[in-house]
Amino acid sequence: MIKLLNLAHDSTRSLEREFWCVLAAYERATIEEASLIAAGNFQEVLVLSRAKACMLDRMQAVAQTIGLDRSDLRLAKRLQGIQLAESLNQDSISCALSETSAEIQKVRSALRNLVSVRGAYGGKESATEFVAEG
C-alpha cells in the first residue's frame, strides 16, 4: 500500500514539474511572440499562437488533475505577468491592424485615381497618337 502511495505521490510531483515547465515555455513563447509582432512576422506569430494554445490546453489538464488553481500564489503571480504581456501583444496587434488598414485605404485611393486617369486615356485618342500620325 505504501508503494502505491509513493507512486501516486511521485506521479503528482512529476505532473507538477510538467505544469511548471510548460508554464515557463508559455511565458517564453509570449515574449517571443512580442518580438515577432514587433518585426511584423505575423506568419510566425500564427504558428506560435497555435503552439501556445496546445500548451494552454496541457496546463489546464494537468492543473485540474493535480488540483492547482489561481489560489496558489506562485501561479497567480506568474499568470498576472502573462496577462500583462498578452495584453501588450494584443495592443501591438491592434496597432499593426490599424496601420495596415490605413495603408490599404491609401492604396485603394491611389488605385481609384489611376483607374480614373487610365479611363481618361483609354477611351479616346491620346495626344501622343495624334502627334505621331501628324
N, C-alpha and C. Protein backbone atom coordinates (compact mmCIF):
# COMPACT_ATOMS: atom_id res chain seq x y z
N MET A 1 0.82 -1.19 0.00
CA MET A 1 0.00 0.00 0.00
C MET A 1 0.87 1.26 0.00
N ILE A 2 1.94 1.24 0.77
CA ILE A 2 2.84 2.39 0.84
C ILE A 2 3.49 2.62 -0.52
N LYS A 3 3.82 1.53 -1.24
CA LYS A 3 4.39 1.69 -2.58
C LYS A 3 3.41 2.39 -3.51
N LEU A 4 2.14 2.05 -3.42
CA LEU A 4 1.13 2.70 -4.25
C LEU A 4 1.01 4.18 -3.91
N LEU A 5 1.05 4.50 -2.62
CA LEU A 5 1.00 5.91 -2.22
C LEU A 5 2.22 6.67 -2.72
N ASN A 6 3.39 6.02 -2.64
CA ASN A 6 4.62 6.65 -3.14
C ASN A 6 4.53 6.88 -4.65
N LEU A 7 3.99 5.89 -5.37
CA LEU A 7 3.84 6.03 -6.81
C LEU A 7 2.90 7.18 -7.15
N ALA A 8 1.80 7.27 -6.42
CA ALA A 8 0.85 8.35 -6.66
C ALA A 8 1.49 9.70 -6.36
N HIS A 9 2.26 9.75 -5.27
CA HIS A 9 2.94 10.99 -4.91
C HIS A 9 3.97 11.37 -5.98
N ASP A 10 4.74 10.38 -6.44
CA ASP A 10 5.73 10.64 -7.49
C ASP A 10 5.06 11.10 -8.77
N SER A 11 3.92 10.49 -9.08
CA SER A 11 3.18 10.87 -10.28
C SER A 11 2.69 12.31 -10.18
N THR A 12 2.19 12.68 -9.02
CA THR A 12 1.71 14.05 -8.81
C THR A 12 2.87 15.03 -8.91
N ARG A 13 4.00 14.69 -8.30
CA ARG A 13 5.17 15.58 -8.39
C ARG A 13 5.65 15.70 -9.83
N SER A 14 5.60 14.61 -10.56
CA SER A 14 6.00 14.64 -11.97
C SER A 14 5.08 15.54 -12.78
N LEU A 15 3.78 15.42 -12.53
CA LEU A 15 2.82 16.28 -13.22
C LEU A 15 2.99 17.74 -12.82
N GLU A 16 3.29 17.96 -11.56
CA GLU A 16 3.50 19.33 -11.10
C GLU A 16 4.73 19.94 -11.78
N ARG A 17 5.81 19.15 -11.88
CA ARG A 17 7.00 19.62 -12.60
C ARG A 17 6.66 19.92 -14.05
N GLU A 18 5.88 19.04 -14.66
CA GLU A 18 5.48 19.25 -16.05
C GLU A 18 4.71 20.56 -16.19
N PHE A 19 3.79 20.81 -15.26
CA PHE A 19 3.00 22.03 -15.32
C PHE A 19 3.89 23.25 -15.32
N TRP A 20 4.83 23.31 -14.37
CA TRP A 20 5.69 24.49 -14.24
C TRP A 20 6.62 24.63 -15.44
N CYS A 21 7.04 23.52 -16.01
CA CYS A 21 7.89 23.57 -17.22
C CYS A 21 7.09 24.10 -18.41
N VAL A 22 5.86 23.63 -18.57
CA VAL A 22 5.02 24.11 -19.67
C VAL A 22 4.67 25.59 -19.46
N LEU A 23 4.43 25.97 -18.23
CA LEU A 23 4.15 27.38 -17.94
C LEU A 23 5.34 28.25 -18.31
N ALA A 24 6.53 27.81 -17.98
CA ALA A 24 7.75 28.56 -18.34
C ALA A 24 7.89 28.66 -19.86
N ALA A 25 7.58 27.57 -20.56
CA ALA A 25 7.64 27.58 -22.02
C ALA A 25 6.61 28.56 -22.59
N TYR A 26 5.44 28.60 -21.96
CA TYR A 26 4.38 29.52 -22.39
C TYR A 26 4.84 30.97 -22.18
N GLU A 27 5.48 31.24 -21.06
CA GLU A 27 5.99 32.59 -20.80
C GLU A 27 7.02 32.99 -21.85
N ARG A 28 7.95 32.07 -22.15
CA ARG A 28 8.97 32.36 -23.17
C ARG A 28 8.32 32.59 -24.54
N ALA A 29 7.31 31.78 -24.85
CA ALA A 29 6.61 31.93 -26.13
C ALA A 29 5.91 33.28 -26.23
N THR A 30 5.37 33.75 -25.12
CA THR A 30 4.69 35.04 -25.11
C THR A 30 5.68 36.17 -25.35
N ILE A 31 6.87 36.06 -24.78
CA ILE A 31 7.93 37.05 -25.02
C ILE A 31 8.39 37.00 -26.47
N GLU A 32 8.57 35.79 -27.00
CA GLU A 32 8.97 35.63 -28.39
C GLU A 32 7.90 36.18 -29.33
N GLU A 33 6.66 35.97 -28.95
CA GLU A 33 5.54 36.48 -29.74
C GLU A 33 5.62 38.00 -29.86
N ALA A 34 5.97 38.68 -28.78
CA ALA A 34 6.10 40.14 -28.81
C ALA A 34 7.17 40.56 -29.81
N SER A 35 8.28 39.85 -29.85
CA SER A 35 9.35 40.16 -30.80
C SER A 35 8.89 39.94 -32.24
N LEU A 36 8.16 38.87 -32.46
CA LEU A 36 7.66 38.57 -33.81
C LEU A 36 6.65 39.63 -34.26
N ILE A 37 5.80 40.06 -33.36
CA ILE A 37 4.82 41.09 -33.69
C ILE A 37 5.55 42.38 -34.04
N ALA A 38 6.53 42.76 -33.24
CA ALA A 38 7.30 43.98 -33.49
C ALA A 38 8.00 43.93 -34.84
N ALA A 39 8.44 42.72 -35.23
CA ALA A 39 9.13 42.55 -36.51
C ALA A 39 8.15 42.42 -37.68
N GLY A 40 6.87 42.33 -37.37
CA GLY A 40 5.87 42.18 -38.43
C GLY A 40 5.82 40.80 -39.03
N ASN A 41 6.33 39.81 -38.31
CA ASN A 41 6.36 38.43 -38.80
C ASN A 41 5.10 37.70 -38.33
N PHE A 42 3.99 38.05 -38.95
CA PHE A 42 2.70 37.55 -38.48
C PHE A 42 2.46 36.08 -38.82
N GLN A 43 3.15 35.57 -39.83
CA GLN A 43 3.03 34.14 -40.14
C GLN A 43 3.59 33.32 -38.98
N GLU A 44 4.73 33.73 -38.44
CA GLU A 44 5.32 33.03 -37.30
C GLU A 44 4.50 33.26 -36.03
N VAL A 45 3.88 34.44 -35.90
CA VAL A 45 3.00 34.70 -34.76
C VAL A 45 1.86 33.69 -34.76
N LEU A 46 1.32 33.43 -35.93
CA LEU A 46 0.23 32.47 -36.06
C LEU A 46 0.67 31.07 -35.64
N VAL A 47 1.85 30.66 -36.10
CA VAL A 47 2.39 29.35 -35.73
C VAL A 47 2.58 29.27 -34.21
N LEU A 48 3.17 30.31 -33.65
CA LEU A 48 3.43 30.34 -32.21
C LEU A 48 2.13 30.36 -31.42
N SER A 49 1.14 31.08 -31.91
CA SER A 49 -0.16 31.13 -31.22
C SER A 49 -0.80 29.75 -31.14
N ARG A 50 -0.66 28.98 -32.20
CA ARG A 50 -1.19 27.61 -32.20
C ARG A 50 -0.46 26.75 -31.18
N ALA A 51 0.85 26.91 -31.10
CA ALA A 51 1.63 26.15 -30.12
C ALA A 51 1.25 26.54 -28.70
N LYS A 52 1.04 27.84 -28.50
CA LYS A 52 0.63 28.32 -27.17
C LYS A 52 -0.73 27.76 -26.77
N ALA A 53 -1.62 27.62 -27.73
CA ALA A 53 -2.95 27.05 -27.43
C ALA A 53 -2.81 25.61 -26.95
N CYS A 54 -1.91 24.86 -27.57
CA CYS A 54 -1.65 23.48 -27.14
C CYS A 54 -1.06 23.45 -25.73
N MET A 55 -0.13 24.37 -25.48
CA MET A 55 0.46 24.45 -24.14
C MET A 55 -0.60 24.77 -23.10
N LEU A 56 -1.47 25.71 -23.42
CA LEU A 56 -2.52 26.11 -22.50
C LEU A 56 -3.45 24.93 -22.20
N ASP A 57 -3.82 24.20 -23.24
CA ASP A 57 -4.67 23.01 -23.03
C ASP A 57 -4.00 22.02 -22.09
N ARG A 58 -2.71 21.80 -22.30
CA ARG A 58 -1.99 20.84 -21.45
C ARG A 58 -1.91 21.35 -20.02
N MET A 59 -1.61 22.62 -19.84
CA MET A 59 -1.53 23.18 -18.49
C MET A 59 -2.87 23.06 -17.77
N GLN A 60 -3.94 23.33 -18.47
CA GLN A 60 -5.26 23.23 -17.85
C GLN A 60 -5.57 21.80 -17.43
N ALA A 61 -5.24 20.86 -18.29
CA ALA A 61 -5.49 19.44 -17.96
C ALA A 61 -4.67 18.99 -16.75
N VAL A 62 -3.39 19.36 -16.74
CA VAL A 62 -2.52 18.97 -15.63
C VAL A 62 -2.96 19.67 -14.35
N ALA A 63 -3.25 20.94 -14.43
CA ALA A 63 -3.68 21.70 -13.24
C ALA A 63 -4.93 21.08 -12.63
N GLN A 64 -5.85 20.69 -13.48
CA GLN A 64 -7.08 20.07 -12.99
C GLN A 64 -6.77 18.73 -12.32
N THR A 65 -5.87 17.97 -12.90
CA THR A 65 -5.50 16.66 -12.35
C THR A 65 -4.85 16.78 -10.98
N ILE A 66 -3.98 17.77 -10.83
CA ILE A 66 -3.24 17.89 -9.56
C ILE A 66 -3.90 18.88 -8.60
N GLY A 67 -4.99 19.50 -9.02
CA GLY A 67 -5.71 20.41 -8.14
C GLY A 67 -5.04 21.77 -7.97
N LEU A 68 -4.36 22.21 -8.99
CA LEU A 68 -3.67 23.51 -8.94
C LEU A 68 -4.59 24.57 -9.54
N ASP A 69 -4.75 25.69 -8.84
CA ASP A 69 -5.57 26.78 -9.35
C ASP A 69 -4.97 28.12 -8.96
N ARG A 70 -5.67 29.19 -9.29
CA ARG A 70 -5.18 30.54 -9.07
C ARG A 70 -5.01 30.90 -7.60
N SER A 71 -5.51 30.09 -6.72
CA SER A 71 -5.32 30.37 -5.30
C SER A 71 -3.86 30.13 -4.89
N ASP A 72 -3.12 29.39 -5.71
CA ASP A 72 -1.68 29.20 -5.49
C ASP A 72 -1.00 30.52 -5.85
N LEU A 73 -0.38 31.15 -4.87
CA LEU A 73 0.20 32.48 -5.07
C LEU A 73 1.29 32.51 -6.14
N ARG A 74 2.08 31.44 -6.22
CA ARG A 74 3.11 31.38 -7.27
C ARG A 74 2.46 31.43 -8.65
N LEU A 75 1.42 30.64 -8.80
CA LEU A 75 0.72 30.60 -10.08
C LEU A 75 0.03 31.93 -10.37
N ALA A 76 -0.62 32.48 -9.39
CA ALA A 76 -1.33 33.75 -9.58
C ALA A 76 -0.37 34.84 -10.06
N LYS A 77 0.81 34.90 -9.46
CA LYS A 77 1.79 35.92 -9.84
C LYS A 77 2.28 35.70 -11.27
N ARG A 78 2.55 34.47 -11.62
CA ARG A 78 3.03 34.16 -12.97
C ARG A 78 1.94 34.46 -14.00
N LEU A 79 0.71 34.11 -13.67
CA LEU A 79 -0.39 34.37 -14.59
C LEU A 79 -0.61 35.87 -14.79
N GLN A 80 -0.41 36.62 -13.73
CA GLN A 80 -0.55 38.08 -13.82
C GLN A 80 0.46 38.64 -14.82
N GLY A 81 1.70 38.15 -14.76
CA GLY A 81 2.73 38.59 -15.71
C GLY A 81 2.38 38.20 -17.14
N ILE A 82 1.86 37.00 -17.32
CA ILE A 82 1.46 36.54 -18.65
C ILE A 82 0.31 37.40 -19.18
N GLN A 83 -0.66 37.68 -18.32
CA GLN A 83 -1.79 38.50 -18.75
C GLN A 83 -1.34 39.88 -19.20
N LEU A 84 -0.41 40.46 -18.49
CA LEU A 84 0.11 41.78 -18.87
C LEU A 84 0.81 41.69 -20.23
N ALA A 85 1.68 40.70 -20.39
CA ALA A 85 2.41 40.53 -21.65
C ALA A 85 1.45 40.28 -22.81
N GLU A 86 0.44 39.47 -22.58
CA GLU A 86 -0.51 39.17 -23.65
C GLU A 86 -1.36 40.40 -23.98
N SER A 87 -1.66 41.21 -22.99
CA SER A 87 -2.39 42.44 -23.24
C SER A 87 -1.56 43.39 -24.10
N LEU A 88 -0.29 43.49 -23.81
CA LEU A 88 0.61 44.32 -24.62
C LEU A 88 0.71 43.78 -26.04
N ASN A 89 0.78 42.45 -26.17
CA ASN A 89 0.82 41.84 -27.50
C ASN A 89 -0.46 42.15 -28.27
N GLN A 90 -1.59 42.07 -27.59
CA GLN A 90 -2.87 42.37 -28.23
C GLN A 90 -2.91 43.83 -28.69
N ASP A 91 -2.41 44.72 -27.86
CA ASP A 91 -2.36 46.14 -28.24
C ASP A 91 -1.47 46.34 -29.46
N SER A 92 -0.35 45.63 -29.51
CA SER A 92 0.56 45.73 -30.65
C SER A 92 -0.10 45.23 -31.93
N ILE A 93 -0.84 44.14 -31.82
CA ILE A 93 -1.56 43.60 -32.97
C ILE A 93 -2.62 44.60 -33.44
N SER A 94 -3.35 45.18 -32.51
CA SER A 94 -4.37 46.17 -32.87
C SER A 94 -3.75 47.36 -33.57
N CYS A 95 -2.62 47.80 -33.09
CA CYS A 95 -1.91 48.93 -33.71
C CYS A 95 -1.46 48.56 -35.13
N ALA A 96 -0.92 47.36 -35.29
CA ALA A 96 -0.48 46.91 -36.62
C ALA A 96 -1.67 46.81 -37.57
N LEU A 97 -2.80 46.34 -37.07
CA LEU A 97 -4.01 46.26 -37.91
C LEU A 97 -4.47 47.64 -38.34
N SER A 98 -4.44 48.60 -37.42
CA SER A 98 -4.84 49.97 -37.75
C SER A 98 -3.92 50.57 -38.80
N GLU A 99 -2.62 50.36 -38.63
CA GLU A 99 -1.66 50.88 -39.60
C GLU A 99 -1.86 50.25 -40.98
N THR A 100 -2.08 48.94 -40.98
CA THR A 100 -2.28 48.23 -42.24
C THR A 100 -3.57 48.68 -42.90
N SER A 101 -4.60 48.88 -42.12
CA SER A 101 -5.87 49.36 -42.66
C SER A 101 -5.70 50.74 -43.30
N ALA A 102 -4.95 51.61 -42.65
CA ALA A 102 -4.70 52.94 -43.21
C ALA A 102 -3.92 52.84 -44.52
N GLU A 103 -2.94 51.94 -44.58
CA GLU A 103 -2.17 51.74 -45.80
C GLU A 103 -3.07 51.22 -46.92
N ILE A 104 -3.95 50.29 -46.58
CA ILE A 104 -4.87 49.73 -47.58
C ILE A 104 -5.77 50.83 -48.14
N GLN A 105 -6.25 51.71 -47.27
CA GLN A 105 -7.10 52.82 -47.73
C GLN A 105 -6.34 53.73 -48.69
N LYS A 106 -5.06 53.99 -48.38
CA LYS A 106 -4.25 54.82 -49.27
C LYS A 106 -4.06 54.15 -50.63
N VAL A 107 -3.80 52.86 -50.61
CA VAL A 107 -3.60 52.11 -51.86
C VAL A 107 -4.89 52.09 -52.67
N ARG A 108 -6.02 51.89 -52.00
CA ARG A 108 -7.32 51.90 -52.70
C ARG A 108 -7.57 53.26 -53.35
N SER A 109 -7.26 54.32 -52.64
CA SER A 109 -7.45 55.67 -53.18
C SER A 109 -6.55 55.88 -54.40
N ALA A 110 -5.30 55.48 -54.28
CA ALA A 110 -4.37 55.62 -55.41
C ALA A 110 -4.84 54.78 -56.60
N LEU A 111 -5.35 53.59 -56.34
CA LEU A 111 -5.85 52.72 -57.41
C LEU A 111 -7.04 53.37 -58.11
N ARG A 112 -7.97 53.92 -57.32
CA ARG A 112 -9.12 54.61 -57.93
C ARG A 112 -8.65 55.78 -58.82
N ASN A 113 -7.68 56.53 -58.33
CA ASN A 113 -7.15 57.65 -59.11
C ASN A 113 -6.50 57.16 -60.40
N LEU A 114 -5.73 56.10 -60.32
CA LEU A 114 -5.08 55.55 -61.52
C LEU A 114 -6.10 55.02 -62.52
N VAL A 115 -7.12 54.36 -62.01
CA VAL A 115 -8.16 53.85 -62.90
C VAL A 115 -8.86 55.01 -63.59
N SER A 116 -9.13 56.10 -62.86
CA SER A 116 -9.76 57.28 -63.45
C SER A 116 -8.86 57.89 -64.52
N VAL A 117 -7.59 58.00 -64.23
CA VAL A 117 -6.65 58.58 -65.21
C VAL A 117 -6.57 57.68 -66.43
N ARG A 118 -6.49 56.38 -66.22
CA ARG A 118 -6.43 55.45 -67.34
C ARG A 118 -7.70 55.56 -68.18
N GLY A 119 -8.83 55.71 -67.52
CA GLY A 119 -10.09 55.88 -68.25
C GLY A 119 -10.07 57.12 -69.12
N ALA A 120 -9.41 58.16 -68.65
CA ALA A 120 -9.32 59.39 -69.43
C ALA A 120 -8.49 59.17 -70.69
N TYR A 121 -7.56 58.26 -70.65
CA TYR A 121 -6.71 57.99 -71.81
C TYR A 121 -7.21 56.83 -72.65
N GLY A 122 -7.87 55.89 -72.00
CA GLY A 122 -8.21 54.64 -72.68
C GLY A 122 -9.28 54.74 -73.73
N GLY A 123 -10.30 55.57 -73.55
CA GLY A 123 -11.43 55.57 -74.45
C GLY A 123 -11.29 56.54 -75.62
N LYS A 124 -10.32 57.41 -75.60
CA LYS A 124 -10.17 58.44 -76.64
C LYS A 124 -8.79 58.33 -77.26
N GLU A 125 -8.67 58.97 -78.40
CA GLU A 125 -7.32 59.04 -78.96
C GLU A 125 -6.46 59.87 -78.04
N SER A 126 -5.29 59.40 -77.78
CA SER A 126 -4.42 60.19 -76.91
C SER A 126 -3.65 61.19 -77.76
N ALA A 127 -3.16 62.19 -77.11
CA ALA A 127 -2.39 63.24 -77.80
C ALA A 127 -1.16 62.65 -78.45
N THR A 128 -0.57 61.65 -77.85
CA THR A 128 0.65 61.07 -78.44
C THR A 128 0.34 60.35 -79.72
N GLU A 129 -0.82 59.71 -79.80
CA GLU A 129 -1.19 59.03 -81.05
C GLU A 129 -1.46 60.08 -82.15
N PHE A 130 -2.10 61.17 -81.78
CA PHE A 130 -2.42 62.23 -82.75
C PHE A 130 -1.12 62.86 -83.28
N VAL A 131 -0.19 63.14 -82.38
CA VAL A 131 1.08 63.76 -82.78
C VAL A 131 1.86 62.80 -83.64
N ALA A 132 1.85 61.53 -83.31
CA ALA A 132 2.62 60.54 -84.06
C ALA A 132 2.12 60.43 -85.49
N GLU A 133 0.83 60.58 -85.69
CA GLU A 133 0.27 60.46 -87.03
C GLU A 133 0.57 61.70 -87.86
N GLY A 134 0.64 62.86 -87.26
CA GLY A 134 0.77 64.12 -87.96
C GLY A 134 2.13 64.37 -88.43
